[in-house]
Amino acid sequence: MTTHGNLLSCWLQRLLLLCLGCLVSCSSYEEKRIRELLNEKGFGTRAQGDSTRENFVQGLDWVQFLIDPIALQNPVTARLIELTIKQPIAIDGTIFVPYVGPVYVLGQTELELAALVQSHLRGVLTDVPEIQARIITSLRLFFAIGEVGRKGPIQLDPDMTFMHAMFKANWTPLANLGRVYLIRPDAENPLVIDINFREMVTTGYTTANILMRENDIVYVPPTFLGLIARLLQRLLEPVGLAVRTMLGAAQIKSSYDVVTGESDFYFRY
């Protein structure tokens, strides 16, 4: 009996070790997949750079090419006229180039884009005309959160400063304008700048009126009283939802009673 018990205990221990090994293996595999998805530098998009200094192709852009009309009269290169029609960037980051096909262009500046298209065309054509590239429609965004009137992504205008961004996002009466945070996200070295916006607009001291960049985050925190007000709002929100639900149910029952004739309906003047 003792030998049988020892054998059973041994098999149970082996089974437990096997299960633990499987769990560790699954955990390490999941961690490996997560590490592969994590961003190592920059904001996280495939196209990286500072478009306020030199514009480059991103996912929401449209591009167009300028070609000499005389060069397009050549029957060999006649299809290059398709490049003069503006086209959006596809979901995989490519544009269509005649005689070549899809070409990956994300992250390319206008000069780099023109050179890239010409190099692809030289692989299939003997006489390639001069090509210039333009980013026609470019949507650059920054983000506003906290006590602002417009939450979420907001279009970044050319030469936009922090003050422009604040007035474009607007702020609520609960905003603490003496401590506004401008956050420049990065996977390695994120930058958080504490700005006294109230001092900026009341004294004209614009040292902290920083030039905005795409993907910047403007966070406007609430004041102390504003924080209490938001906390009470969070606490009372379920109560308000329950009251609205009860009133809605009562209104439905009243309408049902009127339709079935169980109660009279009176007009209100």
Protein backbone atom coordinates (compact mmCIF):
# COMPACT_ATOMS: atom_id res chain seq x y z
CA MET A 1 0.00 0.00 0.00
CA THR A 2 2.88 2.32 0.84
CA THR A 3 4.59 1.57 -2.48
CA HIS A 4 1.37 2.31 -4.37
CA GLY A 5 0.98 5.62 -2.48
CA ASN A 6 4.58 6.64 -3.23
CA LEU A 7 4.09 5.85 -6.91
CA LEU A 8 0.89 7.91 -7.05
CA SER A 9 2.62 10.81 -5.29
CA CYS A 10 5.51 10.65 -7.77
CA TRP A 11 3.14 10.77 -10.74
CA LEU A 12 1.26 13.71 -9.21
CA GLN A 13 4.52 15.60 -8.71
CA ARG A 14 5.53 14.98 -12.32
CA LEU A 15 2.13 16.12 -13.56
CA LEU A 16 2.38 19.28 -11.44
CA LEU A 17 5.86 20.06 -12.80
CA LEU A 18 4.61 19.50 -16.34
CA CYS A 19 1.69 21.93 -15.78
CA LEU A 20 4.03 24.51 -14.25
CA GLY A 21 6.37 24.15 -17.23
CA CYS A 22 3.50 24.70 -19.65
CA LEU A 23 2.37 27.79 -17.74
CA VAL A 24 5.89 29.24 -17.74
CA SER A 25 6.25 28.49 -21.45
CA CYS A 26 2.91 30.16 -22.27
CA SER A 27 3.77 33.15 -20.09
CA SER A 28 7.17 33.63 -21.75
CA TYR A 29 5.59 33.31 -25.20
CA GLU A 30 2.98 35.96 -24.38
CA GLU A 31 5.66 38.26 -22.96
CA LYS A 32 7.73 37.80 -26.10
CA ARG A 33 4.74 38.75 -28.28
CA ILE A 34 4.07 41.81 -26.15
CA ARG A 35 7.73 42.90 -26.34
CA GLU A 36 7.56 42.64 -30.13
CA LEU A 37 4.57 44.99 -30.17
CA LEU A 38 6.08 47.56 -27.82
CA ASN A 39 7.43 50.75 -29.31
CA GLU A 40 11.17 51.36 -28.89
CA LYS A 41 11.39 55.01 -29.92
CA GLY A 42 9.31 57.92 -31.12
CA PHE A 43 5.53 58.21 -30.96
CA GLY A 44 4.78 54.78 -32.37
CA THR A 45 3.83 55.51 -35.99
CA ARG A 46 5.78 54.07 -38.89
CA ALA A 47 6.61 57.55 -40.20
CA GLN A 48 8.79 59.54 -37.77
CA GLY A 49 10.08 63.09 -37.93
CA ASP A 50 9.30 66.76 -37.29
CA SER A 51 6.94 67.99 -39.98
CA THR A 52 7.12 71.58 -38.66
CA ARG A 53 10.72 71.71 -39.90
CA GLU A 54 10.47 69.53 -43.01
CA ASN A 55 7.22 67.94 -44.08
CA PHE A 56 7.17 64.21 -44.72
CA VAL A 57 4.61 61.67 -45.90
CA GLN A 58 2.26 60.25 -43.28
CA GLY A 59 -0.79 58.02 -43.34
CA LEU A 60 -3.48 60.68 -43.89
CA ASP A 61 -1.63 62.58 -46.62
CA TRP A 62 -2.31 63.07 -50.32
CA VAL A 63 0.60 63.45 -52.74
CA GLN A 64 0.93 64.82 -56.26
CA PHE A 65 3.79 65.00 -58.74
CA LEU A 66 4.71 67.80 -61.12
CA ILE A 67 6.04 66.78 -64.55
CA ASP A 68 6.89 68.89 -67.59
CA PRO A 69 3.90 68.67 -70.01
CA ILE A 70 6.28 68.37 -72.98
CA ALA A 71 7.78 65.21 -71.46
CA LEU A 72 4.30 63.71 -71.18
CA GLN A 73 3.81 63.95 -74.96
CA ASN A 74 6.27 61.09 -75.40
CA PRO A 75 4.19 57.91 -76.07
CA VAL A 76 6.68 55.85 -74.03
CA THR A 77 6.09 57.87 -70.87
CA ALA A 78 2.49 58.93 -71.51
CA ARG A 79 1.14 57.07 -68.49
CA LEU A 80 3.19 59.26 -66.17
CA ILE A 81 0.35 61.77 -66.43
CA GLU A 82 -1.34 59.60 -63.78
CA LEU A 83 1.21 60.90 -61.28
CA THR A 84 -0.03 64.46 -61.78
CA ILE A 85 -3.38 63.48 -60.21
CA LYS A 86 -3.24 63.69 -56.44
CA GLN A 87 -3.66 60.34 -54.69
CA PRO A 88 -4.01 59.30 -51.03
CA ILE A 89 -1.58 57.14 -49.16
CA ALA A 90 -2.88 53.58 -48.98
CA ILE A 91 -3.34 51.77 -45.66
CA ASP A 92 -0.07 49.90 -46.22
CA GLY A 93 1.83 53.18 -46.75
CA THR A 94 2.15 52.92 -50.54
CA ILE A 95 1.20 54.94 -53.61
CA PHE A 96 0.71 53.66 -57.16
CA VAL A 97 3.40 54.52 -59.68
CA PRO A 98 2.69 53.78 -63.37
CA TYR A 99 4.92 51.11 -64.94
CA VAL A 100 6.10 50.12 -61.42
CA GLY A 101 3.14 49.44 -59.12
CA PRO A 102 2.81 50.12 -55.39
CA VAL A 103 5.77 51.93 -53.81
CA TYR A 104 6.21 52.37 -50.06
CA VAL A 105 6.57 56.10 -49.29
CA LEU A 106 5.83 56.63 -45.58
CA GLY A 107 8.39 58.89 -43.89
CA GLN A 108 9.73 60.35 -47.16
CA THR A 109 10.22 64.09 -47.53
CA GLU A 110 9.18 65.73 -50.78
CA LEU A 111 12.74 65.63 -52.18
CA GLU A 112 13.21 62.02 -51.08
CA LEU A 113 9.84 61.03 -52.53
CA ALA A 114 10.67 62.50 -55.95
CA ALA A 115 14.07 60.78 -55.98
CA LEU A 116 12.49 57.47 -54.91
CA VAL A 117 9.88 57.51 -57.68
CA GLN A 118 12.48 58.47 -60.29
CA SER A 119 14.79 55.64 -59.19
CA HIS A 120 11.96 53.11 -59.55
CA LEU A 121 11.03 54.47 -62.97
CA ARG A 122 14.63 54.27 -64.19
CA GLY A 123 14.43 50.54 -63.61
CA VAL A 124 11.72 50.16 -66.28
CA LEU A 125 12.15 53.25 -68.53
CA THR A 126 15.15 54.53 -70.40
CA ASP A 127 14.15 58.19 -70.54
CA VAL A 128 12.68 59.42 -67.23
CA PRO A 129 11.65 63.09 -67.07
CA GLU A 130 12.33 65.37 -64.11
CA ILE A 131 9.75 64.84 -61.36
CA GLN A 132 8.88 67.03 -58.39
CA ALA A 133 6.75 65.81 -55.50
CA ARG A 134 4.32 67.77 -53.35
CA ILE A 135 2.40 66.78 -50.24
CA ILE A 136 -0.92 68.39 -51.14
CA THR A 137 -3.16 67.56 -48.19
CA SER A 138 -1.51 66.89 -44.85
CA LEU A 139 -3.39 66.44 -41.58
CA ARG A 140 -1.21 67.01 -38.53
CA LEU A 141 -2.75 66.63 -35.09
CA PHE A 142 -2.15 67.44 -31.46
CA PHE A 143 -4.24 66.19 -28.53
CA ALA A 144 -6.11 68.09 -25.81
CA ILE A 145 -7.37 66.43 -22.62
CA GLY A 146 -8.55 67.49 -19.18
CA GLU A 147 -10.59 70.64 -18.59
CA VAL A 148 -10.85 71.65 -22.24
CA GLY A 149 -13.82 72.40 -24.45
CA ARG A 150 -12.54 70.27 -27.35
CA LYS A 151 -11.19 66.93 -26.18
CA GLY A 152 -9.24 64.63 -28.42
CA PRO A 153 -7.28 65.24 -31.62
CA ILE A 154 -7.20 68.80 -32.98
CA GLN A 155 -5.68 69.90 -36.27
CA LEU A 156 -2.22 71.43 -35.98
CA ASP A 157 -1.97 74.68 -37.91
CA PRO A 158 1.26 75.96 -39.50
CA ASP A 159 3.48 77.85 -37.04
CA MET A 160 1.11 77.07 -34.14
CA THR A 161 2.33 77.95 -30.66
CA PHE A 162 1.15 76.78 -27.25
CA MET A 163 -1.05 79.86 -26.86
CA HIS A 164 -2.71 79.19 -30.22
CA ALA A 165 -3.33 75.61 -29.15
CA MET A 166 -4.91 76.66 -25.85
CA PHE A 167 -7.33 79.08 -27.47
CA LYS A 168 -8.17 76.52 -30.16
CA ALA A 169 -8.88 73.80 -27.57
CA ASN A 170 -10.58 76.29 -25.22
CA TRP A 171 -10.96 75.56 -21.51
CA THR A 172 -13.74 75.06 -18.96
CA PRO A 173 -14.45 77.25 -15.89
CA LEU A 174 -12.89 74.50 -13.72
CA ALA A 175 -9.51 74.66 -15.48
CA ASN A 176 -6.34 75.39 -13.53
CA LEU A 177 -4.65 77.76 -16.00
CA GLY A 178 -1.72 78.31 -13.65
CA ARG A 179 -0.45 74.77 -14.27
CA VAL A 180 -1.00 73.46 -17.77
CA TYR A 181 1.09 70.55 -18.99
CA LEU A 182 2.54 70.31 -22.48
CA ILE A 183 3.58 66.70 -23.00
CA ARG A 184 5.84 65.65 -25.87
CA PRO A 185 5.45 61.84 -26.02
CA ASP A 186 8.37 59.56 -26.80
CA ALA A 187 9.08 55.91 -26.06
CA GLU A 188 12.55 56.70 -24.68
CA ASN A 189 12.58 60.28 -23.38
CA PRO A 190 9.12 61.83 -22.99
CA LEU A 191 9.12 65.53 -22.12
CA VAL A 192 6.63 67.15 -19.71
CA ILE A 193 6.61 70.97 -19.48
CA ASP A 194 4.69 72.79 -16.73
CA ILE A 195 3.40 76.12 -18.14
CA ASN A 196 1.72 78.96 -16.28
CA PHE A 197 -0.77 79.94 -18.97
CA ARG A 198 -2.53 82.47 -16.72
CA GLU A 199 0.71 84.42 -16.33
CA MET A 200 1.30 84.23 -20.07
CA VAL A 201 -2.02 85.83 -21.00
CA THR A 202 -2.09 88.37 -18.15
CA THR A 203 1.49 89.62 -18.41
CA GLY A 204 2.43 88.83 -22.00
CA TYR A 205 5.47 86.88 -20.81
CA THR A 206 5.78 84.41 -23.70
CA THR A 207 8.97 82.57 -22.84
CA ALA A 208 6.98 79.34 -22.48
CA ASN A 209 4.96 79.94 -25.65
CA ILE A 210 6.55 76.90 -27.23
CA LEU A 211 6.11 75.99 -30.88
CA MET A 212 3.72 73.06 -31.08
CA ARG A 213 4.64 69.82 -32.80
CA GLU A 214 2.44 67.05 -34.08
CA ASN A 215 1.28 64.50 -31.50
CA ASP A 216 1.90 66.92 -28.62
CA ILE A 217 -0.52 66.54 -25.71
CA VAL A 218 -2.00 69.54 -23.90
CA TYR A 219 -3.33 68.54 -20.48
CA VAL A 220 -5.34 71.14 -18.56
CA PRO A 221 -5.91 69.91 -14.98
CA PRO A 222 -8.79 71.10 -12.79
CA THR A 223 -8.43 73.39 -9.80
CA PHE A 224 -8.88 71.96 -6.31
CA LEU A 225 -12.54 72.93 -6.27
CA GLY A 226 -12.86 71.69 -9.82
CA LEU A 227 -11.42 68.34 -8.75
CA ILE A 228 -14.05 68.08 -6.01
CA ALA A 229 -16.78 69.02 -8.51
CA ARG A 230 -15.61 66.34 -10.96
CA LEU A 231 -15.47 63.78 -8.14
CA LEU A 232 -19.04 64.57 -7.12
CA GLN A 233 -20.07 64.36 -10.76
CA ARG A 234 -18.57 60.89 -11.00
CA LEU A 235 -20.29 59.79 -7.79
CA LEU A 236 -23.71 61.15 -8.78
CA GLU A 237 -23.59 59.99 -12.40
CA PRO A 238 -24.90 56.45 -11.62
CA VAL A 239 -27.69 57.98 -9.53
CA GLY A 240 -28.66 60.26 -12.40
CA LEU A 241 -28.64 57.32 -14.79
CA ALA A 242 -30.93 55.36 -12.47
CA VAL A 243 -33.33 58.31 -12.11
CA ARG A 244 -33.47 58.80 -15.89
CA THR A 245 -34.13 55.10 -16.36
CA MET A 246 -36.98 55.17 -13.82
CA LEU A 247 -38.50 58.27 -15.41
CA GLY A 248 -38.26 56.64 -18.84
CA ALA A 249 -39.98 53.49 -17.56
CA ALA A 250 -42.74 55.59 -15.96
CA GLN A 251 -43.25 57.48 -19.21
CA ILE A 252 -43.50 54.24 -21.19
CA LYS A 253 -46.08 52.85 -18.73
CA SER A 254 -48.10 56.06 -18.91
CA SER A 255 -48.11 55.93 -22.71
CA TYR A 256 -49.18 52.27 -22.60
CA ASP A 257 -52.07 53.10 -20.27
CA VAL A 258 -53.24 55.86 -22.62
CA VAL A 259 -53.08 53.56 -25.67
CA THR A 260 -54.99 50.74 -23.91
CA GLY A 261 -57.58 53.19 -22.53
CA GLU A 262 -56.76 52.54 -18.87
CA SER A 263 -56.07 56.24 -18.32
CA ASP A 264 -57.29 59.44 -19.94
CA PHE A 265 -55.09 61.62 -22.10
CA TYR A 266 -55.22 65.36 -21.55
CA PHE A 267 -53.69 68.00 -23.80
CA ARG A 268 -51.51 70.56 -22.06
CA TYR A 269 -51.78 74.15 -23.28
